[in-house]
Amino acid sequence: MRTAVITLCGGRLPHLRNQLRGIELGTLRPDIHVVVALGDPAVTAALADHPAHVVEFDCAAPLPLAAARNLGAKAALAAGAELLVFLDVDCVPGPDLLARYRELAASGEQALWCGPVTYLPPPPPGGYDLERLAARRAPHPVRPDPGPGAVLRDGDHDLFWSLSFALTACTWRAVGGFHPGYRGYGGEDTDFGAKAAATGVPLHWAGGADAYHQHHPVSDPPIEHLADILANAARFHSRWGRWPMTGWLQAFADAGLAEYDPARDTWTRVRLELAGTD
């Protein structure tokens, strides 16, 4: 089964280099590695001597991540990929990730296959020891962890995330890719999960397909992405009739940054007045 890894990258070149090293350490190498460079010529330059296929996507913030994943999939399919494995640029694949995804996809079942992801602490001074990441294995607690060799079938599509997942070319075409209307942070993964559910494509959690998410600073709630999240939540609501990311929306409300109008069923940003201004 001709296998492609698809990665988006804008900045984060050190994280991308670790991912490439993780791929080299794997028990199975991809036949194709598509890297979509998000308005960042440094990505193309950094991969000049690497066999990865770089697709340049001229874009600006807020980044069109959904459209970029579709572009990466299009390039992989054009190169003959039968299995698409999406890896976030922050994710280093465990040594068995690709082999495990291919083993499960070879069953012929039309499904989304999602592996466990461990969020790593900040790296030590010498960087992560990529050959010993399994010793740090502690999958994200709000996602299932079936354990090596096991599969948890028929998972909640609302828990789908694009950090690490695989699907056959046939399944990708059935779901129809990511909705390109989402830009910036939030919403596109939940929409893709909803599309899969509506299409009748189940989500299965793939034990043994481990990935390790490299540390970077985050805020909780992600206030710097407030505008993106409100816009993408509204887009999701218009498509599916319900609100996604309710935890973040409520946290923004608790912080006085957003408010919900039950009469109009809308979330809006609160415009804060600066003290001392007329």
Protein backbone atom coordinates (compact mmCIF):
# COMPACT_ATOMS: atom_id res chain seq x y z
CA MET A 1 0.00 0.00 0.00
CA ARG A 2 1.70 3.16 -1.23
CA THR A 3 1.88 5.39 1.86
CA ALA A 4 2.21 9.17 2.09
CA VAL A 5 2.91 11.36 5.11
CA ILE A 6 1.45 14.88 4.86
CA THR A 7 2.77 17.72 7.02
CA LEU A 8 2.04 21.46 7.10
CA CYS A 9 4.90 23.75 8.07
CA GLY A 10 5.18 27.49 8.54
CA GLY A 11 8.14 28.19 10.81
CA ARG A 12 8.91 25.47 13.39
CA LEU A 13 11.81 24.17 11.32
CA PRO A 14 13.48 22.54 14.36
CA HIS A 15 10.26 20.61 15.00
CA LEU A 16 10.10 19.57 11.35
CA ARG A 17 13.70 18.32 11.49
CA ASN A 18 12.85 16.18 14.51
CA GLN A 19 9.84 14.78 12.67
CA LEU A 20 12.02 13.88 9.69
CA ARG A 21 14.47 12.14 12.01
CA GLY A 22 11.60 10.28 13.64
CA ILE A 23 10.45 9.08 10.22
CA GLU A 24 13.98 7.85 9.49
CA LEU A 25 13.97 5.86 12.74
CA GLY A 26 10.69 4.15 11.90
CA THR A 27 10.24 0.49 11.09
CA LEU A 28 8.49 1.60 7.88
CA ARG A 29 9.41 4.56 5.69
CA PRO A 30 6.76 6.43 3.71
CA ASP A 31 6.80 6.16 -0.04
CA ILE A 32 5.97 9.86 -0.26
CA HIS A 33 6.38 12.74 2.20
CA VAL A 34 4.49 15.89 1.23
CA VAL A 35 5.40 19.04 3.16
CA VAL A 36 3.12 22.01 2.53
CA ALA A 37 5.12 25.21 3.12
CA LEU A 38 2.70 27.79 4.49
CA GLY A 39 3.99 31.06 3.06
CA ASP A 40 7.49 30.22 4.33
CA PRO A 41 10.28 29.95 1.74
CA ALA A 42 12.67 28.82 4.48
CA VAL A 43 10.86 25.47 4.51
CA THR A 44 11.63 24.90 0.84
CA ALA A 45 15.27 25.89 1.36
CA ALA A 46 15.63 23.63 4.40
CA LEU A 47 14.36 20.62 2.45
CA ALA A 48 16.42 21.24 -0.69
CA ASP A 49 18.49 18.09 -0.08
CA HIS A 50 15.66 16.01 1.37
CA PRO A 51 13.46 13.64 -0.64
CA ALA A 52 10.29 15.26 0.71
CA HIS A 53 7.98 16.76 -1.90
CA VAL A 54 7.48 20.43 -0.98
CA VAL A 55 4.28 22.18 -2.03
CA GLU A 56 4.49 25.95 -1.65
CA PHE A 57 1.26 27.59 -0.52
CA ASP A 58 1.39 31.37 -0.67
CA CYS A 59 -0.80 32.46 2.23
CA ALA A 60 -0.95 34.82 5.16
CA ALA A 61 -2.48 34.81 8.63
CA PRO A 62 -4.96 33.59 9.59
CA LEU A 63 -3.49 30.46 8.01
CA PRO A 64 -5.86 28.39 5.85
CA LEU A 65 -4.91 25.09 7.50
CA ALA A 66 -7.91 23.19 6.16
CA ALA A 67 -7.20 24.21 2.57
CA ALA A 68 -3.50 23.42 3.06
CA ARG A 69 -4.28 19.87 4.19
CA ASN A 70 -6.44 19.42 1.12
CA LEU A 71 -3.57 20.67 -1.03
CA GLY A 72 -1.17 18.22 0.60
CA ALA A 73 -3.60 15.35 0.05
CA LYS A 74 -4.04 16.35 -3.60
CA ALA A 75 -0.26 16.22 -4.14
CA ALA A 76 0.01 12.85 -2.38
CA LEU A 77 -2.82 11.35 -4.42
CA ALA A 78 -1.28 12.68 -7.63
CA ALA A 79 1.89 10.80 -6.66
CA GLY A 80 -0.08 7.57 -6.33
CA ALA A 81 -0.70 7.44 -2.59
CA GLU A 82 -3.15 4.79 -1.40
CA LEU A 83 -2.83 5.63 2.30
CA LEU A 84 -2.70 9.20 3.64
CA VAL A 85 -1.07 9.76 7.03
CA PHE A 86 -1.42 13.30 8.38
CA LEU A 87 1.13 14.38 10.98
CA ASP A 88 1.20 17.79 12.64
CA VAL A 89 4.63 19.39 12.27
CA ASP A 90 5.03 19.27 16.06
CA CYS A 91 4.59 15.49 16.09
CA VAL A 92 7.45 13.00 16.00
CA PRO A 93 6.16 9.59 14.91
CA GLY A 94 6.88 6.63 17.12
CA PRO A 95 8.87 3.89 15.37
CA ASP A 96 5.77 1.79 14.66
CA LEU A 97 3.33 4.56 13.72
CA LEU A 98 3.42 4.13 9.95
CA ALA A 99 3.53 0.34 10.08
CA ARG A 100 0.57 0.26 12.45
CA TYR A 101 -1.52 2.64 10.36
CA ARG A 102 -0.75 0.64 7.21
CA GLU A 103 -1.58 -2.64 8.94
CA LEU A 104 -4.99 -1.34 9.98
CA ALA A 105 -5.75 0.36 6.67
CA ALA A 106 -4.87 -2.84 4.80
CA SER A 107 -8.01 -4.42 6.27
CA GLY A 108 -9.91 -2.50 3.61
CA GLU A 109 -12.28 -0.94 6.15
CA GLN A 110 -13.31 2.62 5.38
CA ALA A 111 -12.47 4.46 8.60
CA LEU A 112 -10.54 7.27 10.22
CA TRP A 113 -7.63 5.76 12.15
CA CYS A 114 -6.36 7.96 15.00
CA GLY A 115 -3.31 7.12 17.09
CA PRO A 116 -2.52 8.26 20.64
CA VAL A 117 -0.50 11.47 21.04
CA THR A 118 1.77 12.21 23.99
CA TYR A 119 2.45 15.87 24.80
CA LEU A 120 6.13 16.15 25.70
CA PRO A 121 7.56 18.47 28.35
CA PRO A 122 10.11 21.11 27.30
CA PRO A 123 13.20 19.47 25.84
CA PRO A 124 16.38 19.14 27.91
CA PRO A 125 19.41 21.26 26.90
CA GLY A 126 20.57 18.68 24.38
CA GLY A 127 17.12 18.26 22.84
CA TYR A 128 14.83 15.24 22.90
CA ASP A 129 16.36 11.78 22.64
CA LEU A 130 14.22 10.64 19.73
CA GLU A 131 15.24 7.01 20.16
CA ARG A 132 13.85 6.91 23.71
CA LEU A 133 10.59 8.81 23.38
CA ALA A 134 8.63 5.69 24.35
CA ALA A 135 9.91 6.14 27.90
CA ARG A 136 7.95 9.42 28.02
CA ARG A 137 4.75 7.87 26.70
CA ALA A 138 1.72 9.42 28.44
CA PRO A 139 -1.09 9.93 25.90
CA HIS A 140 -3.37 12.94 26.18
CA PRO A 141 -5.91 12.12 28.90
CA VAL A 142 -9.02 13.30 27.03
CA ARG A 143 -8.39 10.98 24.09
CA PRO A 144 -8.67 7.17 24.16
CA ASP A 145 -5.54 5.05 24.53
CA PRO A 146 -6.34 1.48 23.48
CA GLY A 147 -2.82 0.23 24.17
CA PRO A 148 -0.35 -1.40 21.77
CA GLY A 149 -1.99 -3.75 19.30
CA ALA A 150 -5.55 -2.88 20.36
CA VAL A 151 -8.25 -0.91 18.57
CA LEU A 152 -11.06 1.06 20.19
CA ARG A 153 -13.78 1.06 17.58
CA ASP A 154 -16.58 3.54 16.83
CA GLY A 155 -15.16 6.48 18.74
CA ASP A 156 -16.74 9.89 19.22
CA HIS A 157 -16.22 11.91 16.04
CA ASP A 158 -16.10 15.12 18.09
CA LEU A 159 -12.78 13.88 19.51
CA PHE A 160 -11.17 13.69 16.08
CA TRP A 161 -8.00 15.71 15.78
CA SER A 162 -5.59 16.15 12.92
CA LEU A 163 -2.38 15.84 14.93
CA SER A 164 -2.03 12.23 13.81
CA PHE A 165 -4.49 10.25 11.72
CA ALA A 166 -4.63 8.03 8.67
CA LEU A 167 -7.18 7.06 6.05
CA THR A 168 -7.14 5.43 2.66
CA ALA A 169 -7.43 7.42 -0.53
CA CYS A 170 -10.90 5.94 -0.98
CA THR A 171 -11.99 7.15 2.47
CA TRP A 172 -10.52 10.61 1.86
CA ARG A 173 -12.56 10.95 -1.30
CA ALA A 174 -15.69 9.68 0.46
CA VAL A 175 -15.41 12.26 3.26
CA GLY A 176 -14.47 14.99 0.80
CA GLY A 177 -11.51 16.52 2.61
CA PHE A 178 -11.49 19.42 5.04
CA HIS A 179 -13.91 22.31 4.57
CA PRO A 180 -11.74 25.13 3.16
CA GLY A 181 -13.79 27.88 4.78
CA TYR A 182 -11.96 27.52 8.09
CA ARG A 183 -8.97 29.80 8.60
CA GLY A 184 -6.68 30.13 11.57
CA TYR A 185 -7.12 28.24 14.79
CA GLY A 186 -9.95 25.88 15.66
CA GLY A 187 -12.99 24.22 14.20
CA GLU A 188 -11.74 22.49 11.06
CA ASP A 189 -11.00 19.20 12.85
CA THR A 190 -14.44 19.03 14.45
CA ASP A 191 -15.99 19.81 11.07
CA PHE A 192 -14.00 17.02 9.40
CA GLY A 193 -15.15 14.60 12.10
CA ALA A 194 -18.75 15.70 11.55
CA LYS A 195 -18.37 15.17 7.79
CA ALA A 196 -17.03 11.66 8.38
CA ALA A 197 -19.92 10.85 10.71
CA ALA A 198 -22.46 12.19 8.21
CA THR A 199 -20.83 10.07 5.50
CA GLY A 200 -21.00 6.94 7.66
CA VAL A 201 -17.23 6.67 8.13
CA PRO A 202 -16.40 5.50 11.66
CA LEU A 203 -13.52 6.73 13.81
CA HIS A 204 -11.30 4.05 15.36
CA TRP A 205 -8.50 4.66 17.86
CA ALA A 206 -5.37 2.81 16.81
CA GLY A 207 -3.29 1.51 19.69
CA GLY A 208 0.39 1.32 18.82
CA ALA A 209 0.34 4.23 16.34
CA ASP A 210 1.99 6.57 18.84
CA ALA A 211 3.13 10.11 18.12
CA TYR A 212 4.96 12.54 20.40
CA HIS A 213 4.01 16.22 20.34
CA GLN A 214 7.00 18.48 20.86
CA HIS A 215 6.61 21.23 23.41
CA HIS A 216 5.82 24.81 22.51
CA PRO A 217 4.28 27.57 24.64
CA VAL A 218 0.48 27.68 24.73
CA SER A 219 -2.16 29.69 26.53
CA ASP A 220 -5.35 28.31 28.03
CA PRO A 221 -7.76 29.49 26.83
CA PRO A 222 -5.97 30.47 23.60
CA ILE A 223 -6.75 34.17 23.86
CA GLU A 224 -4.42 35.04 20.97
CA HIS A 225 -6.74 33.01 18.72
CA LEU A 226 -9.98 34.56 20.03
CA ALA A 227 -11.02 36.11 16.70
CA ASP A 228 -10.27 32.93 14.74
CA ILE A 229 -12.13 30.72 17.19
CA LEU A 230 -15.25 32.92 17.21
CA ALA A 231 -15.30 33.08 13.41
CA ASN A 232 -14.71 29.36 12.97
CA ALA A 233 -17.23 28.46 15.66
CA ALA A 234 -19.85 30.54 13.85
CA ARG A 235 -18.99 28.83 10.57
CA PHE A 236 -19.35 25.40 12.18
CA HIS A 237 -22.66 26.42 13.76
CA SER A 238 -24.01 27.57 10.40
CA ARG A 239 -23.10 24.20 8.88
CA TRP A 240 -24.09 21.81 11.65
CA GLY A 241 -26.55 23.67 13.89
CA ARG A 242 -24.53 23.35 17.08
CA TRP A 243 -21.57 25.07 18.71
CA PRO A 244 -18.10 23.50 18.77
CA MET A 245 -15.27 24.34 21.16
CA THR A 246 -17.76 25.07 23.93
CA GLY A 247 -15.08 24.81 26.62
CA TRP A 248 -13.06 27.60 25.06
CA LEU A 249 -16.12 29.72 24.32
CA GLN A 250 -17.20 29.49 27.94
CA ALA A 251 -13.68 30.28 29.13
CA PHE A 252 -13.67 33.40 26.94
CA ALA A 253 -17.03 34.36 28.43
CA ASP A 254 -15.73 33.81 31.97
CA ALA A 255 -12.78 36.08 31.14
CA GLY A 256 -15.11 38.79 29.84
CA LEU A 257 -13.82 38.46 26.28
CA ALA A 258 -16.90 37.02 24.59
CA GLU A 259 -20.59 36.71 25.32
CA TYR A 260 -23.42 34.45 24.26
CA ASP A 261 -26.80 35.83 23.22
CA PRO A 262 -29.35 33.03 23.76
CA ALA A 263 -32.11 34.95 21.97
CA ARG A 264 -30.05 35.12 18.77
CA ASP A 265 -27.97 31.99 19.45
CA THR A 266 -24.75 33.86 18.71
CA TRP A 267 -21.33 34.31 20.27
CA THR A 268 -19.72 37.73 19.88
CA ARG A 269 -16.51 39.36 20.99
CA VAL A 270 -16.70 41.83 23.87
CA ARG A 271 -15.12 45.16 22.95
CA LEU A 272 -13.13 46.27 25.94
CA GLU A 273 -12.82 50.00 26.52
CA LEU A 274 -9.37 51.27 27.40
CA ALA A 275 -9.25 53.08 30.74
CA GLY A 276 -8.70 56.81 30.52
CA THR A 277 -9.92 57.22 26.97
CA ASP A 278 -12.72 59.53 25.86
